[in-house]
Amino acid sequence: MSSAELPATKILTFLSEAAKIGRPAAPQPFTKAEILAFPEVKQWLAKGYALDSFENKLSPKDPSQVILLVLLVRN
């Protein structure tokens, strides 16, 4: 895919591991450092994107699981 074909923004979604059965755990939000270390995020950064924002949300199905939304923008 050439750089002219790349979208202006890219949204990535990640899920934390669910708590083990019988062991409820407090949800741990993702940090900026963790996000920047994800291989998929690194791939998009290498294509000329930058981290614009991210949001940690609790899963409606499993309150011990975090859903991470990452917004990358093309420079």
PDB file of N, CA and C in Angstrom:
ATOM      1  N   MET A   1       0.856  -1.170   0.000  1.00  0.00           N
ATOM      2  CA  MET A   1       0.000   0.000   0.000  1.00  0.00           C
ATOM      3  C   MET A   1       0.901   1.231   0.000  1.00  0.00           C
ATOM      4  N   SER A   2       0.746   2.094  -0.977  1.00  0.00           N
ATOM      5  CA  SER A   2       1.565   3.306  -1.023  1.00  0.00           C
ATOM      6  C   SER A   2       1.060   4.318  -0.001  1.00  0.00           C
ATOM      7  N   SER A   3       1.898   5.286   0.335  1.00  0.00           N
ATOM      8  CA  SER A   3       1.510   6.272   1.347  1.00  0.00           C
ATOM      9  C   SER A   3       0.312   7.101   0.894  1.00  0.00           C
ATOM     10  N   ALA A   4       0.118   7.269  -0.419  1.00  0.00           N
ATOM     11  CA  ALA A   4      -1.033   8.012  -0.922  1.00  0.00           C
ATOM     12  C   ALA A   4      -2.339   7.261  -0.661  1.00  0.00           C
ATOM     13  N   GLU A   5      -2.266   5.945  -0.512  1.00  0.00           N
ATOM     14  CA  GLU A   5      -3.454   5.132  -0.280  1.00  0.00           C
ATOM     15  C   GLU A   5      -3.775   4.951   1.207  1.00  0.00           C
ATOM     16  N   LEU A   6      -2.903   5.395   2.081  1.00  0.00           N
ATOM     17  CA  LEU A   6      -3.121   5.224   3.516  1.00  0.00           C
ATOM     18  C   LEU A   6      -4.193   6.195   4.006  1.00  0.00           C
ATOM     19  N   PRO A   7      -5.025   5.747   4.947  1.00  0.00           N
ATOM     20  CA  PRO A   7      -6.064   6.636   5.487  1.00  0.00           C
ATOM     21  C   PRO A   7      -5.459   7.744   6.340  1.00  0.00           C
ATOM     22  N   ALA A   8      -6.190   8.840   6.514  1.00  0.00           N
ATOM     23  CA  ALA A   8      -5.725   9.961   7.331  1.00  0.00           C
ATOM     24  C   ALA A   8      -5.667   9.581   8.810  1.00  0.00           C
ATOM     25  N   THR A   9      -6.567   8.698   9.217  1.00  0.00           N
ATOM     26  CA  THR A   9      -6.582   8.230  10.605  1.00  0.00           C
ATOM     27  C   THR A   9      -6.699   6.712  10.617  1.00  0.00           C
ATOM     28  N   LYS A  10      -6.249   6.125  11.709  1.00  0.00           N
ATOM     29  CA  LYS A  10      -6.346   4.679  11.907  1.00  0.00           C
ATOM     30  C   LYS A  10      -6.769   4.437  13.347  1.00  0.00           C
ATOM     31  N   ILE A  11      -7.822   3.644  13.525  1.00  0.00           N
ATOM     32  CA  ILE A  11      -8.289   3.299  14.868  1.00  0.00           C
ATOM     33  C   ILE A  11      -7.966   1.834  15.120  1.00  0.00           C
ATOM     34  N   LEU A  12      -7.301   1.571  16.222  1.00  0.00           N
ATOM     35  CA  LEU A  12      -6.963   0.203  16.628  1.00  0.00           C
ATOM     36  C   LEU A  12      -7.680  -0.105  17.938  1.00  0.00           C
ATOM     37  N   THR A  13      -8.081  -1.348  18.102  1.00  0.00           N
ATOM     38  CA  THR A  13      -8.761  -1.787  19.317  1.00  0.00           C
ATOM     39  C   THR A  13      -8.000  -2.967  19.908  1.00  0.00           C
ATOM     40  N   PHE A  14      -7.780  -2.911  21.206  1.00  0.00           N
ATOM     41  CA  PHE A  14      -7.098  -3.990  21.922  1.00  0.00           C
ATOM     42  C   PHE A  14      -7.919  -4.356  23.148  1.00  0.00           C
ATOM     43  N   LEU A  15      -7.797  -5.600  23.581  1.00  0.00           N
ATOM     44  CA  LEU A  15      -8.475  -6.081  24.787  1.00  0.00           C
ATOM     45  C   LEU A  15      -7.444  -6.598  25.778  1.00  0.00           C
ATOM     46  N   SER A  16      -7.662  -6.276  27.042  1.00  0.00           N
ATOM     47  CA  SER A  16      -6.807  -6.870  28.069  1.00  0.00           C
ATOM     48  C   SER A  16      -7.264  -8.303  28.279  1.00  0.00           C
ATOM     49  N   GLU A  17      -6.449  -9.070  28.957  1.00  0.00           N
ATOM     50  CA  GLU A  17      -6.843 -10.441  29.274  1.00  0.00           C
ATOM     51  C   GLU A  17      -7.971 -10.402  30.297  1.00  0.00           C
ATOM     52  N   ALA A  18      -8.915 -11.277  30.128  1.00  0.00           N
ATOM     53  CA  ALA A  18     -10.008 -11.378  31.094  1.00  0.00           C
ATOM     54  C   ALA A  18      -9.485 -12.019  32.371  1.00  0.00           C
ATOM     55  N   ALA A  19     -10.132 -11.708  33.475  1.00  0.00           N
ATOM     56  CA  ALA A  19      -9.742 -12.301  34.754  1.00  0.00           C
ATOM     57  C   ALA A  19     -10.038 -13.793  34.734  1.00  0.00           C
ATOM     58  N   LYS A  20      -9.219 -14.533  35.420  1.00  0.00           N
ATOM     59  CA  LYS A  20      -9.423 -15.980  35.502  1.00  0.00           C
ATOM     60  C   LYS A  20     -10.695 -16.252  36.297  1.00  0.00           C
ATOM     61  N   ILE A  21     -11.375 -17.333  35.949  1.00  0.00           N
ATOM     62  CA  ILE A  21     -12.622 -17.696  36.623  1.00  0.00           C
ATOM     63  C   ILE A  21     -12.361 -17.889  38.113  1.00  0.00           C
ATOM     64  N   GLY A  22     -13.206 -17.271  38.912  1.00  0.00           N
ATOM     65  CA  GLY A  22     -13.085 -17.379  40.357  1.00  0.00           C
ATOM     66  C   GLY A  22     -12.070 -16.434  40.961  1.00  0.00           C
ATOM     67  N   ARG A  23     -11.381 -15.660  40.124  1.00  0.00           N
ATOM     68  CA  ARG A  23     -10.379 -14.726  40.630  1.00  0.00           C
ATOM     69  C   ARG A  23     -10.656 -13.345  40.050  1.00  0.00           C
ATOM     70  N   PRO A  24     -11.637 -12.630  40.604  1.00  0.00           N
ATOM     71  CA  PRO A  24     -11.915 -11.297  40.082  1.00  0.00           C
ATOM     72  C   PRO A  24     -10.703 -10.384  40.275  1.00  0.00           C
ATOM     73  N   ALA A  25     -10.392  -9.640  39.252  1.00  0.00           N
ATOM     74  CA  ALA A  25      -9.240  -8.737  39.322  1.00  0.00           C
ATOM     75  C   ALA A  25      -9.691  -7.328  38.977  1.00  0.00           C
ATOM     76  N   ALA A  26      -9.048  -6.373  39.604  1.00  0.00           N
ATOM     77  CA  ALA A  26      -9.333  -4.977  39.270  1.00  0.00           C
ATOM     78  C   ALA A  26      -8.786  -4.710  37.867  1.00  0.00           C
ATOM     79  N   PRO A  27      -9.557  -4.062  37.014  1.00  0.00           N
ATOM     80  CA  PRO A  27      -9.076  -3.794  35.667  1.00  0.00           C
ATOM     81  C   PRO A  27      -7.882  -2.847  35.689  1.00  0.00           C
ATOM     82  N   GLN A  28      -6.891  -3.128  34.858  1.00  0.00           N
ATOM     83  CA  GLN A  28      -5.692  -2.307  34.779  1.00  0.00           C
ATOM     84  C   GLN A  28      -5.695  -1.564  33.444  1.00  0.00           C
ATOM     85  N   PRO A  29      -5.806  -0.228  33.464  1.00  0.00           N
ATOM     86  CA  PRO A  29      -5.791   0.513  32.211  1.00  0.00           C
ATOM     87  C   PRO A  29      -4.416   0.431  31.545  1.00  0.00           C
ATOM     88  N   PHE A  30      -4.424   0.540  30.226  1.00  0.00           N
ATOM     89  CA  PHE A  30      -3.181   0.535  29.463  1.00  0.00           C
ATOM     90  C   PHE A  30      -2.508   1.898  29.609  1.00  0.00           C
ATOM     91  N   THR A  31      -1.193   1.914  29.668  1.00  0.00           N
ATOM     92  CA  THR A  31      -0.437   3.159  29.731  1.00  0.00           C
ATOM     93  C   THR A  31       0.044   3.536  28.328  1.00  0.00           C
ATOM     94  N   LYS A  32       0.446   4.772  28.164  1.00  0.00           N
ATOM     95  CA  LYS A  32       0.955   5.230  26.872  1.00  0.00           C
ATOM     96  C   LYS A  32       2.180   4.414  26.466  1.00  0.00           C
ATOM     97  N   ALA A  33       3.052   4.108  27.396  1.00  0.00           N
ATOM     98  CA  ALA A  33       4.252   3.318  27.099  1.00  0.00           C
ATOM     99  C   ALA A  33       3.876   1.925  26.597  1.00  0.00           C
ATOM    100  N   GLU A  34       2.872   1.299  27.215  1.00  0.00           N
ATOM    101  CA  GLU A  34       2.421  -0.024  26.767  1.00  0.00           C
ATOM    102  C   GLU A  34       1.847   0.057  25.350  1.00  0.00           C
ATOM    103  N   ILE A  35       1.074   1.094  25.091  1.00  0.00           N
ATOM    104  CA  ILE A  35       0.452   1.257  23.771  1.00  0.00           C
ATOM    105  C   ILE A  35       1.526   1.397  22.701  1.00  0.00           C
ATOM    106  N   LEU A  36       2.521   2.224  22.959  1.00  0.00           N
ATOM    107  CA  LEU A  36       3.584   2.450  21.982  1.00  0.00           C
ATOM    108  C   LEU A  36       4.437   1.197  21.758  1.00  0.00           C
ATOM    109  N   ALA A  37       4.365   0.233  22.669  1.00  0.00           N
ATOM    110  CA  ALA A  37       5.136  -1.007  22.535  1.00  0.00           C
ATOM    111  C   ALA A  37       4.397  -2.097  21.765  1.00  0.00           C
ATOM    112  N   PHE A  38       3.093  -1.927  21.522  1.00  0.00           N
ATOM    113  CA  PHE A  38       2.342  -2.932  20.762  1.00  0.00           C
ATOM    114  C   PHE A  38       2.906  -3.029  19.347  1.00  0.00           C
ATOM    115  N   PRO A  39       3.160  -4.249  18.862  1.00  0.00           N
ATOM    116  CA  PRO A  39       3.706  -4.416  17.502  1.00  0.00           C
ATOM    117  C   PRO A  39       2.850  -3.750  16.414  1.00  0.00           C
ATOM    118  N   GLU A  40       1.533  -3.864  16.512  1.00  0.00           N
ATOM    119  CA  GLU A  40       0.667  -3.266  15.499  1.00  0.00           C
ATOM    120  C   GLU A  40       0.776  -1.737  15.513  1.00  0.00           C
ATOM    121  N   VAL A  41       0.875  -1.146  16.701  1.00  0.00           N
ATOM    122  CA  VAL A  41       1.037   0.309  16.802  1.00  0.00           C
ATOM    123  C   VAL A  41       2.384   0.710  16.202  1.00  0.00           C
ATOM    124  N   LYS A  42       3.431  -0.047  16.516  1.00  0.00           N
ATOM    125  CA  LYS A  42       4.758   0.247  15.965  1.00  0.00           C
ATOM    126  C   LYS A  42       4.744   0.223  14.433  1.00  0.00           C
ATOM    127  N   GLN A  43       4.016  -0.725  13.863  1.00  0.00           N
ATOM    128  CA  GLN A  43       3.927  -0.818  12.400  1.00  0.00           C
ATOM    129  C   GLN A  43       3.317   0.447  11.808  1.00  0.00           C
ATOM    130  N   TRP A  44       2.264   0.942  12.425  1.00  0.00           N
ATOM    131  CA  TRP A  44       1.611   2.151  11.907  1.00  0.00           C
ATOM    132  C   TRP A  44       2.465   3.394  12.156  1.00  0.00           C
ATOM    133  N   LEU A  45       3.178   3.428  13.264  1.00  0.00           N
ATOM    134  CA  LEU A  45       4.087   4.556  13.517  1.00  0.00           C
ATOM    135  C   LEU A  45       5.184   4.590  12.458  1.00  0.00           C
ATOM    136  N   ALA A  46       5.661   3.417  12.060  1.00  0.00           N
ATOM    137  CA  ALA A  46       6.703   3.329  11.034  1.00  0.00           C
ATOM    138  C   ALA A  46       6.198   3.795   9.668  1.00  0.00           C
ATOM    139  N   LYS A  47       4.877   3.764   9.469  1.00  0.00           N
ATOM    140  CA  LYS A  47       4.289   4.227   8.205  1.00  0.00           C
ATOM    141  C   LYS A  47       4.056   5.736   8.200  1.00  0.00           C
ATOM    142  N   GLY A  48       4.457   6.419   9.271  1.00  0.00           N
ATOM    143  CA  GLY A  48       4.311   7.873   9.328  1.00  0.00           C
ATOM    144  C   GLY A  48       3.138   8.368  10.146  1.00  0.00           C
ATOM    145  N   TYR A  49       2.586   7.519  10.990  1.00  0.00           N
ATOM    146  CA  TYR A  49       1.472   7.917  11.845  1.00  0.00           C
ATOM    147  C   TYR A  49       2.004   8.332  13.221  1.00  0.00           C
ATOM    148  N   ALA A  50       1.179   9.074  13.947  1.00  0.00           N
ATOM    149  CA  ALA A  50       1.512   9.477  15.314  1.00  0.00           C
ATOM    150  C   ALA A  50       0.317   9.160  16.209  1.00  0.00           C
ATOM    151  N   LEU A  51       0.600   8.897  17.467  1.00  0.00           N
ATOM    152  CA  LEU A  51      -0.462   8.641  18.439  1.00  0.00           C
ATOM    153  C   LEU A  51      -1.192   9.949  18.705  1.00  0.00           C
ATOM    154  N   ASP A  52      -2.485   9.986  18.411  1.00  0.00           N
ATOM    155  CA  ASP A  52      -3.294  11.176  18.659  1.00  0.00           C
ATOM    156  C   ASP A  52      -3.937  11.093  20.032  1.00  0.00           C
ATOM    157  N   SER A  53      -4.600   9.960  20.294  1.00  0.00           N
ATOM    158  CA  SER A  53      -5.258   9.787  21.586  1.00  0.00           C
ATOM    159  C   SER A  53      -5.544   8.313  21.819  1.00  0.00           C
ATOM    160  N   PHE A  54      -5.899   8.007  23.058  1.00  0.00           N
ATOM    161  CA  PHE A  54      -6.310   6.644  23.399  1.00  0.00           C
ATOM    162  C   PHE A  54      -7.291   6.716  24.551  1.00  0.00           C
ATOM    163  N   GLU A  55      -8.128   5.678  24.638  1.00  0.00           N
ATOM    164  CA  GLU A  55      -9.135   5.646  25.691  1.00  0.00           C
ATOM    165  C   GLU A  55      -9.274   4.222  26.215  1.00  0.00           C
ATOM    166  N   ASN A  56      -9.214   4.088  27.525  1.00  0.00           N
ATOM    167  CA  ASN A  56      -9.446   2.818  28.203  1.00  0.00           C
ATOM    168  C   ASN A  56     -10.914   2.778  28.617  1.00  0.00           C
ATOM    169  N   LYS A  57     -11.613   1.708  28.251  1.00  0.00           N
ATOM    170  CA  LYS A  57     -13.012   1.536  28.633  1.00  0.00           C
ATOM    171  C   LYS A  57     -13.189   0.163  29.265  1.00  0.00           C
ATOM    172  N   LEU A  58     -14.110   0.063  30.180  1.00  0.00           N
ATOM    173  CA  LEU A  58     -14.423  -1.238  30.762  1.00  0.00           C
ATOM    174  C   LEU A  58     -15.345  -1.995  29.820  1.00  0.00           C
ATOM    175  N   SER A  59     -15.087  -3.267  29.671  1.00  0.00           N
ATOM    176  CA  SER A  59     -15.929  -4.112  28.828  1.00  0.00           C
ATOM    177  C   SER A  59     -17.308  -4.240  29.466  1.00  0.00           C
ATOM    178  N   PRO A  60     -18.365  -4.060  28.680  1.00  0.00           N
ATOM    179  CA  PRO A  60     -19.707  -4.235  29.254  1.00  0.00           C
ATOM    180  C   PRO A  60     -20.020  -5.695  29.581  1.00  0.00           C
ATOM    181  N   LYS A  61     -19.306  -6.624  28.960  1.00  0.00           N
ATOM    182  CA  LYS A  61     -19.541  -8.051  29.203  1.00  0.00           C
ATOM    183  C   LYS A  61     -18.719  -8.589  30.361  1.00  0.00           C
ATOM    184  N   ASP A  62     -17.567  -7.983  30.612  1.00  0.00           N
ATOM    185  CA  ASP A  62     -16.671  -8.444  31.669  1.00  0.00           C
ATOM    186  C   ASP A  62     -16.021  -7.221  32.313  1.00  0.00           C
ATOM    187  N   PRO A  63     -16.516  -6.772  33.451  1.00  0.00           N
ATOM    188  CA  PRO A  63     -15.986  -5.552  34.073  1.00  0.00           C
ATOM    189  C   PRO A  63     -14.534  -5.646  34.539  1.00  0.00           C
ATOM    190  N   SER A  64     -13.931  -6.838  34.445  1.00  0.00           N
ATOM    191  CA  SER A  64     -12.512  -6.952  34.795  1.00  0.00           C
ATOM    192  C   SER A  64     -11.629  -6.811  33.554  1.00  0.00           C
ATOM    193  N   GLN A  65     -12.260  -6.643  32.385  1.00  0.00           N
ATOM    194  CA  GLN A  65     -11.517  -6.543  31.130  1.00  0.00           C
ATOM    195  C   GLN A  65     -11.569  -5.099  30.610  1.00  0.00           C
ATOM    196  N   VAL A  66     -10.446  -4.645  30.076  1.00  0.00           N
ATOM    197  CA  VAL A  66     -10.348  -3.291  29.532  1.00  0.00           C
ATOM    198  C   VAL A  66     -10.319  -3.357  28.004  1.00  0.00           C
ATOM    199  N   ILE A  67     -11.102  -2.479  27.393  1.00  0.00           N
ATOM    200  CA  ILE A  67     -11.077  -2.300  25.946  1.00  0.00           C
ATOM    201  C   ILE A  67     -10.311  -1.016  25.689  1.00  0.00           C
ATOM    202  N   LEU A  68      -9.289  -1.107  24.853  1.00  0.00           N
ATOM    203  CA  LEU A  68      -8.453   0.045  24.546  1.00  0.00           C
ATOM    204  C   LEU A  68      -8.712   0.493  23.111  1.00  0.00           C
ATOM    205  N   LEU A  69      -9.050   1.764  22.949  1.00  0.00           N
ATOM    206  CA  LEU A  69      -9.231   2.352  21.633  1.00  0.00           C
ATOM    207  C   LEU A  69      -8.070   3.311  21.389  1.00  0.00           C
ATOM    208  N   VAL A  70      -7.375   3.126  20.287  1.00  0.00           N
ATOM    209  CA  VAL A  70      -6.201   3.934  19.953  1.00  0.00           C
ATOM    210  C   VAL A  70      -6.467   4.661  18.639  1.00  0.00           C
ATOM    211  N   LEU A  71      -6.254   5.980  18.632  1.00  0.00           N
ATOM    212  CA  LEU A  71      -6.425   6.774  17.421  1.00  0.00           C
ATOM    213  C   LEU A  71      -5.056   7.253  16.962  1.00  0.00           C
ATOM    214  N   LEU A  72      -4.692   6.852  15.739  1.00  0.00           N
ATOM    215  CA  LEU A  72      -3.444   7.276  15.127  1.00  0.00           C
ATOM    216  C   LEU A  72      -3.771   8.203  13.961  1.00  0.00           C
ATOM    217  N   VAL A  73      -2.971   9.246  13.775  1.00  0.00           N
ATOM    218  CA  VAL A  73      -3.172  10.173  12.664  1.00  0.00           C
ATOM    219  C   VAL A  73      -1.923  10.217  11.814  1.00  0.00           C
ATOM    220  N   ARG A  74      -2.129  10.410  10.524  1.00  0.00           N
ATOM    221  CA  ARG A  74      -1.010  10.468   9.602  1.00  0.00           C
ATOM    222  C   ARG A  74      -0.376  11.839   9.659  1.00  0.00           C
ATOM    223  N   ASN A  75       0.929  11.857   9.716  1.00  0.00           N
ATOM    224  CA  ASN A  75       1.671  13.131   9.762  1.00  0.00           C
ATOM    225  C   ASN A  75       1.664  13.795   8.407  1.00  0.00           C
TER     226      ASN A  75
END
